[in-house]
Amino acid sequence: MIAKTPLPPYYAVIFTSIKTGSNTGYEQMAVRMAELAQQQPGYLGMESAREETGITISYWESLEAIRHWKNNSEHLLAQETGKAQWYEAYKTRICLVERDYGFKKEEHS
């Protein structure tokens, strides 16, 4: 699903990862992090895809909202577990979205 974001400017956090072979608890934690992110002030939406490389993009109103999310105690635990168990490598990028546009095919009755 494509996140419904407001008019720019807003921020995107792009989390790209390569997993190890260990998946124990990963799916449950990913679901919990998505639920928890949605409860954070300044959260705007999320998109995620996983094949060999996983990419999750979350959208935020401000850098302050991103800092609060990064420092959430439950999120910090997930980050540490990811480093110790689930991820071979990851990269986080924070971007200012200055412009966006899109297309959606209209359904005809």
PDB file of N, CA and C in Angstrom:
ATOM      1  N   MET A   1       0.841  -1.179   0.000  1.00  0.00           N
ATOM      2  CA  MET A   1       0.000   0.000   0.000  1.00  0.00           C
ATOM      3  C   MET A   1       0.887   1.244   0.000  1.00  0.00           C
ATOM      4  N   ILE A   2       0.468   2.236  -0.730  1.00  0.00           N
ATOM      5  CA  ILE A   2       1.186   3.513  -0.783  1.00  0.00           C
ATOM      6  C   ILE A   2       0.641   4.423   0.318  1.00  0.00           C
ATOM      7  N   ALA A   3       1.530   4.949   1.145  1.00  0.00           N
ATOM      8  CA  ALA A   3       1.128   5.823   2.243  1.00  0.00           C
ATOM      9  C   ALA A   3       0.504   7.104   1.709  1.00  0.00           C
ATOM     10  N   LYS A   4      -0.522   7.571   2.385  1.00  0.00           N
ATOM     11  CA  LYS A   4      -1.167   8.832   2.035  1.00  0.00           C
ATOM     12  C   LYS A   4      -0.506   9.929   2.857  1.00  0.00           C
ATOM     13  N   THR A   5       0.375  10.660   2.237  1.00  0.00           N
ATOM     14  CA  THR A   5       1.127  11.705   2.925  1.00  0.00           C
ATOM     15  C   THR A   5       0.538  13.078   2.591  1.00  0.00           C
ATOM     16  N   PRO A   6       0.792  14.056   3.450  1.00  0.00           N
ATOM     17  CA  PRO A   6       0.300  15.414   3.171  1.00  0.00           C
ATOM     18  C   PRO A   6       1.157  16.078   2.094  1.00  0.00           C
ATOM     19  N   LEU A   7       0.797  17.276   1.751  1.00  0.00           N
ATOM     20  CA  LEU A   7       1.633  18.050   0.842  1.00  0.00           C
ATOM     21  C   LEU A   7       2.988  18.293   1.477  1.00  0.00           C
ATOM     22  N   PRO A   8       4.060  18.234   0.696  1.00  0.00           N
ATOM     23  CA  PRO A   8       5.387  18.518   1.235  1.00  0.00           C
ATOM     24  C   PRO A   8       5.467  19.964   1.729  1.00  0.00           C
ATOM     25  N   PRO A   9       6.438  20.231   2.583  1.00  0.00           N
ATOM     26  CA  PRO A   9       7.538  19.370   2.983  1.00  0.00           C
ATOM     27  C   PRO A   9       7.164  18.468   4.161  1.00  0.00           C
ATOM     28  N   TYR A  10       7.786  17.307   4.203  1.00  0.00           N
ATOM     29  CA  TYR A  10       7.751  16.377   5.320  1.00  0.00           C
ATOM     30  C   TYR A  10       9.007  15.520   5.202  1.00  0.00           C
ATOM     31  N   TYR A  11       9.216  14.635   6.139  1.00  0.00           N
ATOM     32  CA  TYR A  11      10.452  13.848   6.173  1.00  0.00           C
ATOM     33  C   TYR A  11      10.192  12.375   5.912  1.00  0.00           C
ATOM     34  N   ALA A  12      11.185  11.715   5.333  1.00  0.00           N
ATOM     35  CA  ALA A  12      11.150  10.276   5.110  1.00  0.00           C
ATOM     36  C   ALA A  12      12.357   9.650   5.790  1.00  0.00           C
ATOM     37  N   VAL A  13      12.118   8.553   6.504  1.00  0.00           N
ATOM     38  CA  VAL A  13      13.196   7.757   7.074  1.00  0.00           C
ATOM     39  C   VAL A  13      13.231   6.462   6.269  1.00  0.00           C
ATOM     40  N   ILE A  14      14.319   6.231   5.584  1.00  0.00           N
ATOM     41  CA  ILE A  14      14.470   5.047   4.739  1.00  0.00           C
ATOM     42  C   ILE A  14      15.382   4.070   5.479  1.00  0.00           C
ATOM     43  N   PHE A  15      14.828   2.907   5.819  1.00  0.00           N
ATOM     44  CA  PHE A  15      15.573   1.868   6.520  1.00  0.00           C
ATOM     45  C   PHE A  15      15.751   0.698   5.561  1.00  0.00           C
ATOM     46  N   THR A  16      16.990   0.456   5.146  1.00  0.00           N
ATOM     47  CA  THR A  16      17.326  -0.622   4.215  1.00  0.00           C
ATOM     48  C   THR A  16      18.112  -1.671   4.984  1.00  0.00           C
ATOM     49  N   SER A  17      17.731  -2.950   4.827  1.00  0.00           N
ATOM     50  CA  SER A  17      18.386  -3.986   5.627  1.00  0.00           C
ATOM     51  C   SER A  17      18.604  -5.275   4.852  1.00  0.00           C
ATOM     52  N   ILE A  18      19.608  -6.005   5.301  1.00  0.00           N
ATOM     53  CA  ILE A  18      19.867  -7.365   4.840  1.00  0.00           C
ATOM     54  C   ILE A  18      19.846  -8.227   6.095  1.00  0.00           C
ATOM     55  N   LYS A  19      18.986  -9.244   6.094  1.00  0.00           N
ATOM     56  CA  LYS A  19      18.813 -10.073   7.283  1.00  0.00           C
ATOM     57  C   LYS A  19      19.820 -11.214   7.339  1.00  0.00           C
ATOM     58  N   THR A  20      20.053 -11.668   8.569  1.00  0.00           N
ATOM     59  CA  THR A  20      20.810 -12.897   8.791  1.00  0.00           C
ATOM     60  C   THR A  20      19.839 -14.055   8.570  1.00  0.00           C
ATOM     61  N   GLY A  21      20.253 -15.265   8.840  1.00  0.00           N
ATOM     62  CA  GLY A  21      19.366 -16.421   8.722  1.00  0.00           C
ATOM     63  C   GLY A  21      18.416 -16.565   9.900  1.00  0.00           C
ATOM     64  N   SER A  22      18.623 -15.804  10.969  1.00  0.00           N
ATOM     65  CA  SER A  22      17.803 -15.912  12.173  1.00  0.00           C
ATOM     66  C   SER A  22      16.548 -15.048  12.056  1.00  0.00           C
ATOM     67  N   ASN A  23      15.381 -15.711  12.091  1.00  0.00           N
ATOM     68  CA  ASN A  23      14.112 -14.983  11.978  1.00  0.00           C
ATOM     69  C   ASN A  23      13.257 -15.075  13.235  1.00  0.00           C
ATOM     70  N   THR A  24      13.743 -15.741  14.269  1.00  0.00           N
ATOM     71  CA  THR A  24      12.952 -15.964  15.471  1.00  0.00           C
ATOM     72  C   THR A  24      12.494 -14.638  16.068  1.00  0.00           C
ATOM     73  N   GLY A  25      11.201 -14.437  16.102  1.00  0.00           N
ATOM     74  CA  GLY A  25      10.614 -13.239  16.682  1.00  0.00           C
ATOM     75  C   GLY A  25      10.586 -12.026  15.773  1.00  0.00           C
ATOM     76  N   TYR A  26      11.165 -12.138  14.583  1.00  0.00           N
ATOM     77  CA  TYR A  26      11.277 -10.972  13.696  1.00  0.00           C
ATOM     78  C   TYR A  26       9.908 -10.455  13.248  1.00  0.00           C
ATOM     79  N   GLU A  27       9.069 -11.338  12.749  1.00  0.00           N
ATOM     80  CA  GLU A  27       7.758 -10.906  12.232  1.00  0.00           C
ATOM     81  C   GLU A  27       6.923 -10.239  13.314  1.00  0.00           C
ATOM     82  N   GLN A  28       6.915 -10.820  14.510  1.00  0.00           N
ATOM     83  CA  GLN A  28       6.143 -10.231  15.611  1.00  0.00           C
ATOM     84  C   GLN A  28       6.675  -8.847  15.961  1.00  0.00           C
ATOM     85  N   MET A  29       7.994  -8.701  15.968  1.00  0.00           N
ATOM     86  CA  MET A  29       8.581  -7.401  16.288  1.00  0.00           C
ATOM     87  C   MET A  29       8.285  -6.390  15.189  1.00  0.00           C
ATOM     88  N   ALA A  30       8.340  -6.817  13.934  1.00  0.00           N
ATOM     89  CA  ALA A  30       8.049  -5.899  12.825  1.00  0.00           C
ATOM     90  C   ALA A  30       6.607  -5.396  12.906  1.00  0.00           C
ATOM     91  N   VAL A  31       5.685  -6.281  13.214  1.00  0.00           N
ATOM     92  CA  VAL A  31       4.277  -5.882  13.355  1.00  0.00           C
ATOM     93  C   VAL A  31       4.131  -4.912  14.520  1.00  0.00           C
ATOM     94  N   ARG A  32       4.771  -5.219  15.642  1.00  0.00           N
ATOM     95  CA  ARG A  32       4.679  -4.348  16.821  1.00  0.00           C
ATOM     96  C   ARG A  32       5.281  -2.980  16.542  1.00  0.00           C
ATOM     97  N   MET A  33       6.412  -2.922  15.834  1.00  0.00           N
ATOM     98  CA  MET A  33       7.038  -1.633  15.531  1.00  0.00           C
ATOM     99  C   MET A  33       6.142  -0.804  14.619  1.00  0.00           C
ATOM    100  N   ALA A  34       5.483  -1.437  13.655  1.00  0.00           N
ATOM    101  CA  ALA A  34       4.555  -0.714  12.771  1.00  0.00           C
ATOM    102  C   ALA A  34       3.396  -0.143  13.582  1.00  0.00           C
ATOM    103  N   GLU A  35       2.850  -0.945  14.504  1.00  0.00           N
ATOM    104  CA  GLU A  35       1.754  -0.468  15.358  1.00  0.00           C
ATOM    105  C   GLU A  35       2.222   0.683  16.252  1.00  0.00           C
ATOM    106  N   LEU A  36       3.396   0.533  16.838  1.00  0.00           N
ATOM    107  CA  LEU A  36       3.923   1.545  17.750  1.00  0.00           C
ATOM    108  C   LEU A  36       4.246   2.848  17.018  1.00  0.00           C
ATOM    109  N   ALA A  37       4.824   2.737  15.827  1.00  0.00           N
ATOM    110  CA  ALA A  37       5.145   3.939  15.036  1.00  0.00           C
ATOM    111  C   ALA A  37       3.885   4.752  14.758  1.00  0.00           C
ATOM    112  N   GLN A  38       2.804   4.064  14.445  1.00  0.00           N
ATOM    113  CA  GLN A  38       1.542   4.748  14.131  1.00  0.00           C
ATOM    114  C   GLN A  38       1.014   5.559  15.306  1.00  0.00           C
ATOM    115  N   GLN A  39       1.404   5.202  16.514  1.00  0.00           N
ATOM    116  CA  GLN A  39       0.940   5.890  17.719  1.00  0.00           C
ATOM    117  C   GLN A  39       1.795   7.105  18.068  1.00  0.00           C
ATOM    118  N   GLN A  40       2.901   7.302  17.360  1.00  0.00           N
ATOM    119  CA  GLN A  40       3.834   8.378  17.692  1.00  0.00           C
ATOM    120  C   GLN A  40       3.367   9.721  17.124  1.00  0.00           C
ATOM    121  N   PRO A  41       3.505  10.795  17.903  1.00  0.00           N
ATOM    122  CA  PRO A  41       3.191  12.120  17.371  1.00  0.00           C
ATOM    123  C   PRO A  41       4.061  12.419  16.149  1.00  0.00           C
ATOM    124  N   GLY A  42       3.465  12.955  15.115  1.00  0.00           N
ATOM    125  CA  GLY A  42       4.195  13.331  13.918  1.00  0.00           C
ATOM    126  C   GLY A  42       4.302  12.241  12.863  1.00  0.00           C
ATOM    127  N   TYR A  43       3.805  11.037  13.160  1.00  0.00           N
ATOM    128  CA  TYR A  43       3.833   9.930  12.193  1.00  0.00           C
ATOM    129  C   TYR A  43       2.850  10.218  11.063  1.00  0.00           C
ATOM    130  N   LEU A  44       3.274   9.975   9.817  1.00  0.00           N
ATOM    131  CA  LEU A  44       2.424  10.242   8.656  1.00  0.00           C
ATOM    132  C   LEU A  44       2.078   8.994   7.842  1.00  0.00           C
ATOM    133  N   GLY A  45       2.892   7.950   7.917  1.00  0.00           N
ATOM    134  CA  GLY A  45       2.616   6.745   7.146  1.00  0.00           C
ATOM    135  C   GLY A  45       3.867   5.902   6.967  1.00  0.00           C
ATOM    136  N   MET A  46       3.675   4.726   6.336  1.00  0.00           N
ATOM    137  CA  MET A  46       4.790   3.797   6.162  1.00  0.00           C
ATOM    138  C   MET A  46       4.555   2.939   4.926  1.00  0.00           C
ATOM    139  N   GLU A  47       5.663   2.569   4.281  1.00  0.00           N
ATOM    140  CA  GLU A  47       5.648   1.623   3.160  1.00  0.00           C
ATOM    141  C   GLU A  47       6.799   0.651   3.389  1.00  0.00           C
ATOM    142  N   SER A  48       6.583  -0.626   3.052  1.00  0.00           N
ATOM    143  CA  SER A  48       7.618  -1.619   3.312  1.00  0.00           C
ATOM    144  C   SER A  48       7.589  -2.715   2.259  1.00  0.00           C
ATOM    145  N   ALA A  49       8.771  -3.207   1.908  1.00  0.00           N
ATOM    146  CA  ALA A  49       8.907  -4.315   0.959  1.00  0.00           C
ATOM    147  C   ALA A  49      10.130  -5.131   1.373  1.00  0.00           C
ATOM    148  N   ARG A  50      10.058  -6.441   1.177  1.00  0.00           N
ATOM    149  CA  ARG A  50      11.191  -7.287   1.525  1.00  0.00           C
ATOM    150  C   ARG A  50      11.334  -8.405   0.517  1.00  0.00           C
ATOM    151  N   GLU A  51      12.507  -8.486  -0.021  1.00  0.00           N
ATOM    152  CA  GLU A  51      12.965  -9.642  -0.801  1.00  0.00           C
ATOM    153  C   GLU A  51      14.301  -9.996  -0.172  1.00  0.00           C
ATOM    154  N   GLU A  52      15.366 -10.000  -0.927  1.00  0.00           N
ATOM    155  CA  GLU A  52      16.688 -10.185  -0.329  1.00  0.00           C
ATOM    156  C   GLU A  52      17.072  -8.960   0.500  1.00  0.00           C
ATOM    157  N   THR A  53      16.726  -7.795  -0.008  1.00  0.00           N
ATOM    158  CA  THR A  53      16.947  -6.541   0.701  1.00  0.00           C
ATOM    159  C   THR A  53      15.600  -6.022   1.166  1.00  0.00           C
ATOM    160  N   GLY A  54      15.507  -5.635   2.415  1.00  0.00           N
ATOM    161  CA  GLY A  54      14.272  -5.058   2.938  1.00  0.00           C
ATOM    162  C   GLY A  54      14.366  -3.550   2.927  1.00  0.00           C
ATOM    163  N   ILE A  55      13.265  -2.905   2.567  1.00  0.00           N
ATOM    164  CA  ILE A  55      13.219  -1.443   2.591  1.00  0.00           C
ATOM    165  C   ILE A  55      11.919  -1.030   3.271  1.00  0.00           C
ATOM    166  N   THR A  56      12.055  -0.242   4.315  1.00  0.00           N
ATOM    167  CA  THR A  56      10.900   0.339   4.989  1.00  0.00           C
ATOM    168  C   THR A  56      11.099   1.846   4.998  1.00  0.00           C
ATOM    169  N   ILE A  57      10.082   2.546   4.544  1.00  0.00           N
ATOM    170  CA  ILE A  57      10.119   4.010   4.541  1.00  0.00           C
ATOM    171  C   ILE A  57       8.998   4.490   5.450  1.00  0.00           C
ATOM    172  N   SER A  58       9.345   5.275   6.444  1.00  0.00           N
ATOM    173  CA  SER A  58       8.327   5.898   7.280  1.00  0.00           C
ATOM    174  C   SER A  58       8.371   7.401   7.048  1.00  0.00           C
ATOM    175  N   TYR A  59       7.211   8.026   7.161  1.00  0.00           N
ATOM    176  CA  TYR A  59       7.076   9.453   6.873  1.00  0.00           C
ATOM    177  C   TYR A  59       6.689  10.187   8.152  1.00  0.00           C
ATOM    178  N   TRP A  60       7.301  11.362   8.333  1.00  0.00           N
ATOM    179  CA  TRP A  60       7.173  12.104   9.581  1.00  0.00           C
ATOM    180  C   TRP A  60       7.019  13.597   9.320  1.00  0.00           C
ATOM    181  N   GLU A  61       6.344  14.272  10.248  1.00  0.00           N
ATOM    182  CA  GLU A  61       6.129  15.721  10.137  1.00  0.00           C
ATOM    183  C   GLU A  61       7.400  16.517  10.366  1.00  0.00           C
ATOM    184  N   SER A  62       8.299  16.014  11.228  1.00  0.00           N
ATOM    185  CA  SER A  62       9.448  16.828  11.630  1.00  0.00           C
ATOM    186  C   SER A  62      10.627  15.957  12.048  1.00  0.00           C
ATOM    187  N   LEU A  63      11.791  16.587  12.118  1.00  0.00           N
ATOM    188  CA  LEU A  63      12.977  15.898  12.636  1.00  0.00           C
ATOM    189  C   LEU A  63      12.803  15.564  14.112  1.00  0.00           C
ATOM    190  N   GLU A  64      12.104  16.412  14.845  1.00  0.00           N
ATOM    191  CA  GLU A  64      11.843  16.150  16.260  1.00  0.00           C
ATOM    192  C   GLU A  64      11.010  14.881  16.426  1.00  0.00           C
ATOM    193  N   ALA A  65       9.998  14.695  15.599  1.00  0.00           N
ATOM    194  CA  ALA A  65       9.179  13.482  15.661  1.00  0.00           C
ATOM    195  C   ALA A  65      10.025  12.243  15.370  1.00  0.00           C
ATOM    196  N   ILE A  66      10.948  12.360  14.426  1.00  0.00           N
ATOM    197  CA  ILE A  66      11.849  11.243  14.099  1.00  0.00           C
ATOM    198  C   ILE A  66      12.749  10.930  15.289  1.00  0.00           C
ATOM    199  N   ARG A  67      13.282  11.945  15.950  1.00  0.00           N
ATOM    200  CA  ARG A  67      14.132  11.731  17.130  1.00  0.00           C
ATOM    201  C   ARG A  67      13.367  11.025  18.245  1.00  0.00           C
ATOM    202  N   HIS A  68      12.135  11.452  18.475  1.00  0.00           N
ATOM    203  CA  HIS A  68      11.316  10.812  19.508  1.00  0.00           C
ATOM    204  C   HIS A  68      11.089   9.337  19.179  1.00  0.00           C
ATOM    205  N   TRP A  69      10.816   9.035  17.913  1.00  0.00           N
ATOM    206  CA  TRP A  69      10.604   7.648  17.499  1.00  0.00           C
ATOM    207  C   TRP A  69      11.896   6.840  17.681  1.00  0.00           C
ATOM    208  N   LYS A  70      13.010   7.381  17.242  1.00  0.00           N
ATOM    209  CA  LYS A  70      14.290   6.665  17.370  1.00  0.00           C
ATOM    210  C   LYS A  70      14.588   6.330  18.824  1.00  0.00           C
ATOM    211  N   ASN A  71      14.217   7.219  19.748  1.00  0.00           N
ATOM    212  CA  ASN A  71      14.538   7.049  21.164  1.00  0.00           C
ATOM    213  C   ASN A  71      13.425   6.403  21.982  1.00  0.00           C
ATOM    214  N   ASN A  72      12.351   5.953  21.347  1.00  0.00           N
ATOM    215  CA  ASN A  72      11.290   5.238  22.049  1.00  0.00           C
ATOM    216  C   ASN A  72      11.893   3.962  22.664  1.00  0.00           C
ATOM    217  N   SER A  73      11.610   3.694  23.925  1.00  0.00           N
ATOM    218  CA  SER A  73      12.255   2.586  24.637  1.00  0.00           C
ATOM    219  C   SER A  73      11.992   1.234  23.971  1.00  0.00           C
ATOM    220  N   GLU A  74      10.796   0.991  23.514  1.00  0.00           N
ATOM    221  CA  GLU A  74      10.488  -0.277  22.849  1.00  0.00           C
ATOM    222  C   GLU A  74      11.197  -0.368  21.491  1.00  0.00           C
ATOM    223  N   HIS A  75      11.278   0.769  20.804  1.00  0.00           N
ATOM    224  CA  HIS A  75      11.985   0.816  19.533  1.00  0.00           C
ATOM    225  C   HIS A  75      13.489   0.606  19.745  1.00  0.00           C
ATOM    226  N   LEU A  76      14.047   1.162  20.815  1.00  0.00           N
ATOM    227  CA  LEU A  76      15.461   0.952  21.134  1.00  0.00           C
ATOM    228  C   LEU A  76      15.761  -0.528  21.359  1.00  0.00           C
ATOM    229  N   LEU A  77      14.868  -1.234  22.048  1.00  0.00           N
ATOM    230  CA  LEU A  77      15.031  -2.669  22.266  1.00  0.00           C
ATOM    231  C   LEU A  77      15.016  -3.420  20.932  1.00  0.00           C
ATOM    232  N   ALA A  78      14.102  -3.042  20.033  1.00  0.00           N
ATOM    233  CA  ALA A  78      14.042  -3.672  18.705  1.00  0.00           C
ATOM    234  C   ALA A  78      15.328  -3.403  17.926  1.00  0.00           C
ATOM    235  N   GLN A  79      15.861  -2.192  18.027  1.00  0.00           N
ATOM    236  CA  GLN A  79      17.115  -1.862  17.337  1.00  0.00           C
ATOM    237  C   GLN A  79      18.258  -2.744  17.830  1.00  0.00           C
ATOM    238  N   GLU A  80      18.374  -2.912  19.137  1.00  0.00           N
ATOM    239  CA  GLU A  80      19.447  -3.726  19.705  1.00  0.00           C
ATOM    240  C   GLU A  80      19.284  -5.201  19.335  1.00  0.00           C
ATOM    241  N   THR A  81      18.050  -5.689  19.358  1.00  0.00           N
ATOM    242  CA  THR A  81      17.799  -7.077  18.968  1.00  0.00           C
ATOM    243  C   THR A  81      18.125  -7.274  17.497  1.00  0.00           C
ATOM    244  N   GLY A  82      17.792  -6.304  16.679  1.00  0.00           N
ATOM    245  CA  GLY A  82      18.106  -6.374  15.252  1.00  0.00           C
ATOM    246  C   GLY A  82      19.600  -6.483  15.011  1.00  0.00           C
ATOM    247  N   LYS A  83      20.376  -5.662  15.701  1.00  0.00           N
ATOM    248  CA  LYS A  83      21.835  -5.701  15.555  1.00  0.00           C
ATOM    249  C   LYS A  83      22.401  -7.041  16.024  1.00  0.00           C
ATOM    250  N   ALA A  84      21.869  -7.559  17.125  1.00  0.00           N
ATOM    251  CA  ALA A  84      22.404  -8.785  17.715  1.00  0.00           C
ATOM    252  C   ALA A  84      21.949 -10.046  16.981  1.00  0.00           C
ATOM    253  N   GLN A  85      20.759  -9.998  16.362  1.00  0.00           N
ATOM    254  CA  GLN A  85      20.160 -11.247  15.891  1.00  0.00           C
ATOM    255  C   GLN A  85      19.702 -11.231  14.439  1.00  0.00           C
ATOM    256  N   TRP A  86      18.999 -10.213  13.989  1.00  0.00           N
ATOM    257  CA  TRP A  86      18.274 -10.281  12.721  1.00  0.00           C
ATOM    258  C   TRP A  86      18.996  -9.703  11.515  1.00  0.00           C
ATOM    259  N   TYR A  87      19.882  -8.726  11.704  1.00  0.00           N
ATOM    260  CA  TYR A  87      20.455  -8.013  10.571  1.00  0.00           C
ATOM    261  C   TYR A  87      21.927  -8.316  10.352  1.00  0.00           C
ATOM    262  N   GLU A  88      22.236  -8.598   9.124  1.00  0.00           N
ATOM    263  CA  GLU A  88      23.629  -8.693   8.680  1.00  0.00           C
ATOM    264  C   GLU A  88      24.179  -7.277   8.498  1.00  0.00           C
ATOM    265  N   ALA A  89      23.327  -6.415   7.965  1.00  0.00           N
ATOM    266  CA  ALA A  89      23.688  -5.010   7.740  1.00  0.00           C
ATOM    267  C   ALA A  89      22.415  -4.188   7.592  1.00  0.00           C
ATOM    268  N   TYR A  90      22.520  -2.913   7.923  1.00  0.00           N
ATOM    269  CA  TYR A  90      21.419  -1.995   7.635  1.00  0.00           C
ATOM    270  C   TYR A  90      21.947  -0.588   7.471  1.00  0.00           C
ATOM    271  N   LYS A  91      21.116   0.249   6.875  1.00  0.00           N
ATOM    272  CA  LYS A  91      21.447   1.670   6.684  1.00  0.00           C
ATOM    273  C   LYS A  91      20.158   2.448   6.882  1.00  0.00           C
ATOM    274  N   THR A  92      20.245   3.556   7.603  1.00  0.00           N
ATOM    275  CA  THR A  92      19.109   4.445   7.795  1.00  0.00           C
ATOM    276  C   THR A  92      19.446   5.787   7.164  1.00  0.00           C
ATOM    277  N   ARG A  93      18.515   6.291   6.375  1.00  0.00           N
ATOM    278  CA  ARG A  93      18.697   7.592   5.724  1.00  0.00           C
ATOM    279  C   ARG A  93      17.495   8.470   6.072  1.00  0.00           C
ATOM    280  N   ILE A  94      17.748   9.722   6.388  1.00  0.00           N
ATOM    281  CA  ILE A  94      16.682  10.661   6.707  1.00  0.00           C
ATOM    282  C   ILE A  94      16.690  11.744   5.645  1.00  0.00           C
ATOM    283  N   CYS A  95      15.535  11.932   5.008  1.00  0.00           N
ATOM    284  CA  CYS A  95      15.438  12.826   3.856  1.00  0.00           C
ATOM    285  C   CYS A  95      14.293  13.820   4.034  1.00  0.00           C
ATOM    286  N   LEU A  96      14.480  15.007   3.525  1.00  0.00           N
ATOM    287  CA  LEU A  96      13.405  15.985   3.437  1.00  0.00           C
ATOM    288  C   LEU A  96      12.714  15.792   2.094  1.00  0.00           C
ATOM    289  N   VAL A  97      11.423  15.531   2.133  1.00  0.00           N
ATOM    290  CA  VAL A  97      10.645  15.406   0.899  1.00  0.00           C
ATOM    291  C   VAL A  97      10.184  16.811   0.531  1.00  0.00           C
ATOM    292  N   GLU A  98      10.673  17.291  -0.589  1.00  0.00           N
ATOM    293  CA  GLU A  98      10.337  18.643  -1.037  1.00  0.00           C
ATOM    294  C   GLU A  98       9.244  18.644  -2.091  1.00  0.00           C
ATOM    295  N   ARG A  99       9.095  17.513  -2.766  1.00  0.00           N
ATOM    296  CA  ARG A  99       8.101  17.425  -3.831  1.00  0.00           C
ATOM    297  C   ARG A  99       7.670  15.977  -3.938  1.00  0.00           C
ATOM    298  N   ASP A 100       6.389  15.753  -4.197  1.00  0.00           N
ATOM    299  CA  ASP A 100       5.919  14.411  -4.518  1.00  0.00           C
ATOM    300  C   ASP A 100       4.805  14.499  -5.543  1.00  0.00           C
ATOM    301  N   TYR A 101       4.611  13.440  -6.272  1.00  0.00           N
ATOM    302  CA  TYR A 101       3.525  13.353  -7.246  1.00  0.00           C
ATOM    303  C   TYR A 101       3.248  11.890  -7.499  1.00  0.00           C
ATOM    304  N   GLY A 102       2.117  11.580  -8.096  1.00  0.00           N
ATOM    305  CA  GLY A 102       1.789  10.177  -8.290  1.00  0.00           C
ATOM    306  C   GLY A 102       0.701   9.973  -9.328  1.00  0.00           C
ATOM    307  N   PHE A 103       0.268   8.747  -9.411  1.00  0.00           N
ATOM    308  CA  PHE A 103      -0.751   8.317 -10.350  1.00  0.00           C
ATOM    309  C   PHE A 103      -1.560   7.217  -9.690  1.00  0.00           C
ATOM    310  N   LYS A 104      -2.856   7.217  -9.925  1.00  0.00           N
ATOM    311  CA  LYS A 104      -3.718   6.144  -9.472  1.00  0.00           C
ATOM    312  C   LYS A 104      -4.785   5.925 -10.523  1.00  0.00           C
ATOM    313  N   LYS A 105      -4.826   4.697 -11.021  1.00  0.00           N
ATOM    314  CA  LYS A 105      -5.820   4.348 -12.029  1.00  0.00           C
ATOM    315  C   LYS A 105      -7.207   4.427 -11.410  1.00  0.00           C
ATOM    316  N   GLU A 106      -8.096   5.085 -12.068  1.00  0.00           N
ATOM    317  CA  GLU A 106      -9.473   5.228 -11.590  1.00  0.00           C
ATOM    318  C   GLU A 106     -10.274   3.989 -11.971  1.00  0.00           C
ATOM    319  N   GLU A 107     -11.130   3.553 -11.043  1.00  0.00           N
ATOM    320  CA  GLU A 107     -12.027   2.433 -11.341  1.00  0.00           C
ATOM    321  C   GLU A 107     -13.265   2.971 -12.032  1.00  0.00           C
ATOM    322  N   HIS A 108     -13.724   2.253 -13.082  1.00  0.00           N
ATOM    323  CA  HIS A 108     -14.927   2.649 -13.797  1.00  0.00           C
ATOM    324  C   HIS A 108     -16.034   1.652 -13.512  1.00  0.00           C
ATOM    325  N   SER A 109     -17.220   2.161 -13.211  1.00  0.00           N
ATOM    326  CA  SER A 109     -18.374   1.290 -12.901  1.00  0.00           C
ATOM    327  C   SER A 109     -19.039   0.794 -14.155  1.00  0.00           C
TER     328      SER A 109
END
